[in-house]
């Protein structure tokens, strides 16, 4: 099941960090970036984030879920209505997120 554009807009509004949060649509789902680094995504209208230590520390009881079959497990963000928590979560994760790999030119 693909994620809805309405849910994406809701999550982006909750994060409300203009210019820093971007996304790419991929096969009906949305990959979320903070300052060019992937921190999570919207899969089947669920906000999932990478299980870096900052996210685990801030959400110790968060269930892990698969964004899609064959993928690595991610943490389900359940407190989606708490704007301040979401912003703090992304900021806390930022230093632990890897920089995107540079693609070789052909």
N, C-alpha and C. Protein backbone atom coordinates (compact mmCIF):
# COMPACT_ATOMS: atom_id res chain seq x y z
N UNK A 1 0.84 -1.18 0.00
CA UNK A 1 0.00 0.00 0.00
C UNK A 1 0.88 1.24 0.00
N UNK A 2 0.65 2.16 -0.87
CA UNK A 2 1.43 3.38 -0.96
C UNK A 2 0.99 4.38 0.11
N UNK A 3 1.90 5.26 0.47
CA UNK A 3 1.59 6.29 1.45
C UNK A 3 0.86 7.44 0.77
N UNK A 4 0.03 8.12 1.53
CA UNK A 4 -0.74 9.23 0.96
C UNK A 4 0.05 10.53 1.03
N UNK A 5 -0.22 11.37 0.08
CA UNK A 5 0.40 12.70 0.05
C UNK A 5 -0.04 13.51 1.27
N UNK A 6 -1.28 13.31 1.71
CA UNK A 6 -1.79 14.02 2.88
C UNK A 6 -0.97 13.68 4.13
N UNK A 7 -0.62 12.40 4.29
CA UNK A 7 0.17 12.01 5.45
C UNK A 7 1.57 12.62 5.37
N UNK A 8 2.16 12.62 4.19
CA UNK A 8 3.47 13.26 4.00
C UNK A 8 3.40 14.72 4.42
N UNK A 9 2.41 15.44 3.94
CA UNK A 9 2.28 16.86 4.26
C UNK A 9 2.07 17.07 5.76
N UNK A 10 1.31 16.18 6.40
CA UNK A 10 1.12 16.27 7.85
C UNK A 10 2.45 16.12 8.58
N UNK A 11 3.24 15.11 8.20
CA UNK A 11 4.53 14.87 8.85
C UNK A 11 5.47 16.05 8.62
N UNK A 12 5.52 16.55 7.39
CA UNK A 12 6.39 17.70 7.10
C UNK A 12 5.97 18.92 7.90
N UNK A 13 4.66 19.12 8.05
CA UNK A 13 4.17 20.23 8.86
C UNK A 13 4.54 20.04 10.33
N UNK A 14 4.45 18.82 10.82
CA UNK A 14 4.82 18.54 12.21
C UNK A 14 6.31 18.82 12.43
N UNK A 15 7.14 18.45 11.48
CA UNK A 15 8.58 18.68 11.60
C UNK A 15 8.90 20.16 11.47
N UNK A 16 8.21 20.84 10.57
CA UNK A 16 8.36 22.27 10.30
C UNK A 16 9.76 22.82 10.54
N UNK A 17 10.70 22.25 9.80
CA UNK A 17 12.09 22.73 9.82
C UNK A 17 12.40 23.16 8.39
N UNK A 18 11.89 24.33 7.98
CA UNK A 18 11.97 24.74 6.59
C UNK A 18 13.39 24.67 6.02
N UNK A 19 13.46 24.16 4.82
CA UNK A 19 14.74 24.10 4.12
C UNK A 19 15.64 22.96 4.52
N UNK A 20 15.45 22.41 5.69
CA UNK A 20 16.32 21.34 6.16
C UNK A 20 15.75 19.96 5.87
N UNK A 21 14.43 19.84 5.83
CA UNK A 21 13.78 18.55 5.58
C UNK A 21 13.37 18.50 4.11
N UNK A 22 13.83 17.48 3.43
CA UNK A 22 13.44 17.26 2.04
C UNK A 22 12.98 15.81 1.92
N UNK A 23 12.42 15.47 0.78
CA UNK A 23 11.95 14.10 0.57
C UNK A 23 12.07 13.74 -0.90
N UNK A 24 12.07 12.45 -1.15
CA UNK A 24 12.01 11.91 -2.50
C UNK A 24 10.96 10.81 -2.50
N UNK A 25 10.15 10.82 -3.53
CA UNK A 25 9.16 9.76 -3.66
C UNK A 25 9.82 8.57 -4.35
N UNK A 26 9.60 7.39 -3.79
CA UNK A 26 10.18 6.19 -4.36
C UNK A 26 9.17 5.05 -4.23
N UNK A 27 8.66 4.59 -5.35
CA UNK A 27 7.72 3.47 -5.40
C UNK A 27 6.52 3.68 -4.48
N UNK A 28 5.97 4.89 -4.45
CA UNK A 28 4.78 5.17 -3.67
C UNK A 28 5.04 5.50 -2.22
N UNK A 29 6.29 5.49 -1.82
CA UNK A 29 6.66 5.83 -0.43
C UNK A 29 7.56 7.07 -0.47
N UNK A 30 7.90 7.62 0.69
CA UNK A 30 8.69 8.84 0.75
C UNK A 30 9.91 8.65 1.64
N UNK A 31 11.08 8.92 1.07
CA UNK A 31 12.33 8.89 1.83
C UNK A 31 12.54 10.30 2.37
N UNK A 32 12.83 10.43 3.66
CA UNK A 32 13.00 11.73 4.30
C UNK A 32 14.47 12.02 4.58
N UNK A 33 14.87 13.26 4.31
CA UNK A 33 16.25 13.69 4.48
C UNK A 33 16.31 14.90 5.40
N UNK A 34 17.35 14.96 6.21
CA UNK A 34 17.64 16.15 7.00
C UNK A 34 19.05 16.58 6.63
N UNK A 35 19.18 17.78 6.11
CA UNK A 35 20.46 18.31 5.65
C UNK A 35 21.17 17.33 4.71
N UNK A 36 20.40 16.72 3.83
CA UNK A 36 20.94 15.82 2.83
C UNK A 36 21.20 14.39 3.31
N UNK A 37 20.92 14.10 4.57
CA UNK A 37 21.13 12.77 5.13
C UNK A 37 19.79 12.07 5.34
N UNK A 38 19.71 10.81 4.95
CA UNK A 38 18.47 10.06 5.16
C UNK A 38 18.30 9.77 6.65
N UNK A 39 17.16 10.18 7.21
CA UNK A 39 16.89 9.86 8.61
C UNK A 39 15.72 8.91 8.76
N UNK A 40 14.93 8.75 7.72
CA UNK A 40 13.78 7.86 7.82
C UNK A 40 12.92 7.95 6.59
N UNK A 41 11.67 7.58 6.76
CA UNK A 41 10.76 7.63 5.63
C UNK A 41 9.33 7.38 6.06
N UNK A 42 8.46 7.58 5.11
CA UNK A 42 7.04 7.31 5.32
C UNK A 42 6.70 6.09 4.48
N UNK A 43 6.29 5.05 5.15
CA UNK A 43 5.98 3.77 4.52
C UNK A 43 4.60 3.33 4.99
N UNK A 44 3.69 3.13 4.08
CA UNK A 44 2.32 2.72 4.42
C UNK A 44 1.72 3.65 5.48
N UNK A 45 1.92 4.94 5.29
CA UNK A 45 1.43 5.97 6.21
C UNK A 45 1.91 5.75 7.64
N UNK A 46 3.17 5.33 7.78
CA UNK A 46 3.84 5.21 9.08
C UNK A 46 5.15 5.97 8.98
N UNK A 47 5.49 6.74 10.00
CA UNK A 47 6.79 7.40 10.04
C UNK A 47 7.78 6.45 10.71
N UNK A 48 8.78 6.02 9.96
CA UNK A 48 9.81 5.14 10.46
C UNK A 48 11.15 5.87 10.37
N UNK A 49 12.00 5.70 11.39
CA UNK A 49 13.32 6.32 11.39
C UNK A 49 14.40 5.27 11.57
N UNK A 50 15.61 5.65 11.15
CA UNK A 50 16.74 4.73 11.30
C UNK A 50 16.99 4.45 12.78
N UNK A 51 17.39 3.25 13.11
CA UNK A 51 17.59 2.89 14.52
C UNK A 51 18.97 3.29 15.05
N UNK A 52 19.32 4.55 14.91
CA UNK A 52 20.60 5.03 15.46
C UNK A 52 20.44 5.19 16.97
N UNK A 53 21.55 5.27 17.68
CA UNK A 53 21.47 5.26 19.14
C UNK A 53 20.66 6.42 19.71
N UNK A 54 20.72 7.60 19.10
CA UNK A 54 19.93 8.73 19.60
C UNK A 54 18.44 8.43 19.51
N UNK A 55 18.00 7.82 18.42
CA UNK A 55 16.58 7.47 18.28
C UNK A 55 16.18 6.41 19.29
N UNK A 56 17.04 5.43 19.50
CA UNK A 56 16.74 4.38 20.49
C UNK A 56 16.67 4.97 21.89
N UNK A 57 17.54 5.94 22.18
CA UNK A 57 17.56 6.58 23.50
C UNK A 57 16.28 7.39 23.72
N UNK A 58 15.83 8.08 22.68
CA UNK A 58 14.64 8.93 22.82
C UNK A 58 13.34 8.14 22.75
N UNK A 59 13.39 6.96 22.14
CA UNK A 59 12.19 6.12 22.01
C UNK A 59 12.53 4.69 22.44
N UNK A 60 12.85 4.49 23.72
CA UNK A 60 13.31 3.17 24.16
C UNK A 60 12.29 2.05 23.98
N UNK A 61 11.02 2.38 23.93
CA UNK A 61 9.98 1.35 23.80
C UNK A 61 9.38 1.29 22.40
N UNK A 62 10.01 1.99 21.46
CA UNK A 62 9.46 2.01 20.09
C UNK A 62 9.58 0.63 19.44
N UNK A 63 8.50 0.19 18.81
CA UNK A 63 8.58 -1.08 18.10
C UNK A 63 9.41 -0.93 16.82
N UNK A 64 10.04 -2.03 16.43
CA UNK A 64 10.75 -2.02 15.16
C UNK A 64 9.83 -2.63 14.11
N UNK A 65 9.88 -2.05 12.93
CA UNK A 65 9.03 -2.52 11.85
C UNK A 65 9.81 -2.48 10.55
N UNK A 66 9.39 -3.29 9.62
CA UNK A 66 10.00 -3.31 8.29
C UNK A 66 9.29 -2.30 7.41
N UNK A 67 10.05 -1.42 6.75
CA UNK A 67 9.38 -0.49 5.84
C UNK A 67 8.79 -1.21 4.64
N UNK A 68 9.47 -2.26 4.20
CA UNK A 68 9.00 -3.11 3.10
C UNK A 68 9.75 -4.42 3.20
N UNK A 69 9.25 -5.43 2.55
CA UNK A 69 9.85 -6.75 2.63
C UNK A 69 11.29 -6.73 2.15
N UNK A 70 12.18 -7.32 2.94
CA UNK A 70 13.59 -7.40 2.58
C UNK A 70 14.42 -6.23 3.07
N UNK A 71 13.79 -5.23 3.69
CA UNK A 71 14.52 -4.06 4.20
C UNK A 71 14.99 -4.30 5.63
N UNK A 72 15.87 -3.42 6.09
CA UNK A 72 16.31 -3.46 7.48
C UNK A 72 15.21 -2.86 8.36
N UNK A 73 15.15 -3.33 9.59
CA UNK A 73 14.14 -2.83 10.52
C UNK A 73 14.42 -1.37 10.87
N UNK A 74 13.33 -0.65 11.09
CA UNK A 74 13.40 0.75 11.48
C UNK A 74 12.50 0.94 12.70
N UNK A 75 12.64 2.08 13.36
CA UNK A 75 11.83 2.38 14.54
C UNK A 75 10.57 3.12 14.14
N UNK A 76 9.45 2.69 14.67
CA UNK A 76 8.17 3.34 14.42
C UNK A 76 8.03 4.53 15.36
N UNK A 77 7.78 5.70 14.80
CA UNK A 77 7.55 6.89 15.62
C UNK A 77 6.06 6.93 15.95
N UNK A 78 5.76 6.77 17.22
CA UNK A 78 4.37 6.71 17.65
C UNK A 78 3.84 8.07 18.12
N UNK A 79 4.74 8.94 18.58
CA UNK A 79 4.33 10.24 19.10
C UNK A 79 4.34 11.27 17.97
N UNK A 80 3.62 10.98 16.92
CA UNK A 80 3.63 11.79 15.70
C UNK A 80 2.96 13.15 15.89
N UNK A 81 2.11 13.29 16.90
CA UNK A 81 1.42 14.56 17.13
C UNK A 81 2.23 15.56 17.93
N UNK A 82 3.36 15.15 18.45
CA UNK A 82 4.20 16.01 19.29
C UNK A 82 5.29 16.67 18.44
N UNK A 83 5.03 17.89 17.97
CA UNK A 83 5.97 18.60 17.10
C UNK A 83 7.35 18.76 17.73
N UNK A 84 7.37 19.18 18.96
CA UNK A 84 8.66 19.44 19.63
C UNK A 84 9.48 18.15 19.72
N UNK A 85 8.83 17.05 20.06
CA UNK A 85 9.53 15.77 20.14
C UNK A 85 10.10 15.38 18.77
N UNK A 86 9.33 15.54 17.72
CA UNK A 86 9.79 15.18 16.37
C UNK A 86 11.01 15.99 15.97
N UNK A 87 10.97 17.29 16.23
CA UNK A 87 12.12 18.14 15.90
C UNK A 87 13.35 17.71 16.69
N UNK A 88 13.17 17.49 17.99
CA UNK A 88 14.29 17.06 18.83
C UNK A 88 14.84 15.72 18.37
N UNK A 89 13.97 14.82 17.97
CA UNK A 89 14.40 13.50 17.49
C UNK A 89 15.29 13.64 16.26
N UNK A 90 14.85 14.40 15.27
CA UNK A 90 15.64 14.56 14.05
C UNK A 90 16.96 15.25 14.35
N UNK A 91 16.94 16.29 15.17
CA UNK A 91 18.18 16.99 15.52
C UNK A 91 19.15 16.08 16.27
N UNK A 92 18.63 15.26 17.17
CA UNK A 92 19.48 14.34 17.94
C UNK A 92 20.10 13.28 17.03
N UNK A 93 19.37 12.86 16.02
CA UNK A 93 19.86 11.83 15.11
C UNK A 93 20.89 12.37 14.12
N UNK A 94 20.86 13.66 13.85
CA UNK A 94 21.63 14.26 12.75
C UNK A 94 23.11 13.90 12.76
N UNK A 95 23.76 13.99 13.89
CA UNK A 95 25.22 13.73 13.94
C UNK A 95 25.56 12.27 13.69
N UNK A 96 24.62 11.38 13.93
CA UNK A 96 24.88 9.95 13.77
C UNK A 96 24.57 9.44 12.36
N UNK A 97 23.93 10.25 11.57
CA UNK A 97 23.54 9.83 10.23
C UNK A 97 24.72 9.95 9.27
N UNK A 98 24.91 8.95 8.43
CA UNK A 98 26.04 9.01 7.49
C UNK A 98 25.74 9.98 6.34
N UNK A 99 26.81 10.55 5.82
CA UNK A 99 26.68 11.39 4.64
C UNK A 99 26.34 10.51 3.45
N UNK A 100 25.62 11.05 2.49
CA UNK A 100 25.30 10.23 1.32
C UNK A 100 26.57 9.85 0.56
N UNK A 101 26.54 8.65 -0.01
CA UNK A 101 27.68 8.19 -0.79
C UNK A 101 27.70 8.92 -2.13
N UNK A 102 28.89 9.30 -2.55
CA UNK A 102 29.02 9.97 -3.85
C UNK A 102 28.99 8.93 -4.95
N UNK A 103 28.24 9.22 -5.97
CA UNK A 103 28.14 8.30 -7.10
C UNK A 103 29.28 8.58 -8.07
N UNK A 104 29.78 7.53 -8.65
CA UNK A 104 30.82 7.67 -9.65
C UNK A 104 30.20 8.09 -10.97
N UNK A 105 30.88 9.01 -11.65
CA UNK A 105 30.41 9.43 -12.96
C UNK A 105 30.83 8.40 -13.99
N UNK A 106 29.96 8.19 -14.94
CA UNK A 106 30.27 7.22 -15.99
C UNK A 106 31.03 7.85 -17.12
